[in-house]
Amino acid sequence: MTNSVTEVTCRKCSHKFTGVLHDLFDVSKEYAATCPSCECETFFNPRAAFIETGIPKNAVKIKYVAKL
């Protein structure tokens, strides 16, 4: 399985954390991750990511955000 790993910065509390998507990022789409510090949802467009086969310790799951 392919995992895309990137650093995410929470828009509410500015906490930086590692996020993982169990797929490849599409830079034209928006994604969301829950901040482990304040538990608020942060929305972002990925700019860069590492492709990994493993999942880093304490990584937060990233979800694709569908626009309706």
Protein backbone atom coordinates (compact mmCIF):
# COMPACT_ATOMS: atom_id res chain seq x y z
CA MET A 1 0.00 0.00 0.00
CA THR A 2 1.20 3.51 -0.81
CA ASN A 3 1.13 6.15 1.91
CA SER A 4 1.66 9.87 1.36
CA VAL A 5 3.12 11.53 4.45
CA THR A 6 3.19 15.31 4.97
CA GLU A 7 3.52 17.89 7.72
CA VAL A 8 0.27 19.70 8.54
CA THR A 9 -0.09 22.94 10.52
CA CYS A 10 -3.32 23.43 12.44
CA ARG A 11 -5.10 26.63 11.40
CA LYS A 12 -6.53 27.15 14.90
CA CYS A 13 -3.65 26.46 17.30
CA SER A 14 -0.64 26.40 14.87
CA HIS A 15 0.44 22.94 16.12
CA LYS A 16 2.53 21.08 13.51
CA PHE A 17 1.86 17.37 13.13
CA THR A 18 2.44 14.51 10.70
CA GLY A 19 -0.45 13.35 8.55
CA VAL A 20 -0.77 10.25 6.39
CA LEU A 21 -3.04 9.56 3.41
CA HIS A 22 -3.36 5.92 2.33
CA ASP A 23 -3.02 6.91 -1.34
CA LEU A 24 -1.22 9.48 -3.49
CA PHE A 25 -2.10 13.15 -3.03
CA ASP A 26 -3.85 14.95 -5.87
CA VAL A 27 -2.58 18.55 -5.60
CA SER A 28 -5.78 19.86 -7.19
CA LYS A 29 -7.92 18.54 -4.32
CA GLU A 30 -8.50 19.59 -0.71
CA TYR A 31 -7.82 17.36 2.29
CA ALA A 32 -8.55 17.46 6.02
CA ALA A 33 -6.87 16.17 9.17
CA THR A 34 -7.81 16.42 12.84
CA CYS A 35 -5.24 18.24 14.97
CA PRO A 36 -4.07 15.96 17.80
CA SER A 37 -3.51 18.98 20.04
CA CYS A 38 -6.83 20.90 19.87
CA GLU A 39 -8.90 18.28 17.98
CA CYS A 40 -10.10 20.81 15.38
CA GLU A 41 -10.38 19.87 11.72
CA THR A 42 -7.75 21.52 9.51
CA PHE A 43 -8.31 21.79 5.77
CA PHE A 44 -5.37 22.09 3.36
CA ASN A 45 -4.11 21.57 -0.17
CA PRO A 46 -0.96 19.43 -0.21
CA ARG A 47 2.18 21.03 -1.60
CA ALA A 48 4.72 18.27 -0.98
CA ALA A 49 4.71 14.79 0.51
CA PHE A 50 6.93 11.79 1.04
CA ILE A 51 5.82 8.46 -0.38
CA GLU A 52 6.25 5.80 2.30
CA THR A 53 5.39 2.14 2.69
CA GLY A 54 5.16 2.43 6.47
CA ILE A 55 3.21 4.80 8.68
CA PRO A 56 5.19 7.07 11.03
CA LYS A 57 4.46 6.80 14.75
CA ASN A 58 1.77 9.27 15.92
CA ALA A 59 0.69 10.11 12.34
CA VAL A 60 -2.86 11.45 11.96
CA LYS A 61 -5.11 10.08 9.22
CA ILE A 62 -5.77 12.50 6.33
CA LYS A 63 -9.13 12.44 4.54
CA TYR A 64 -10.10 13.68 1.08
CA VAL A 65 -12.65 16.52 1.17
CA ALA A 66 -15.32 16.38 -1.54
CA LYS A 67 -16.69 19.71 -2.71
CA LEU A 68 -20.40 19.67 -3.44
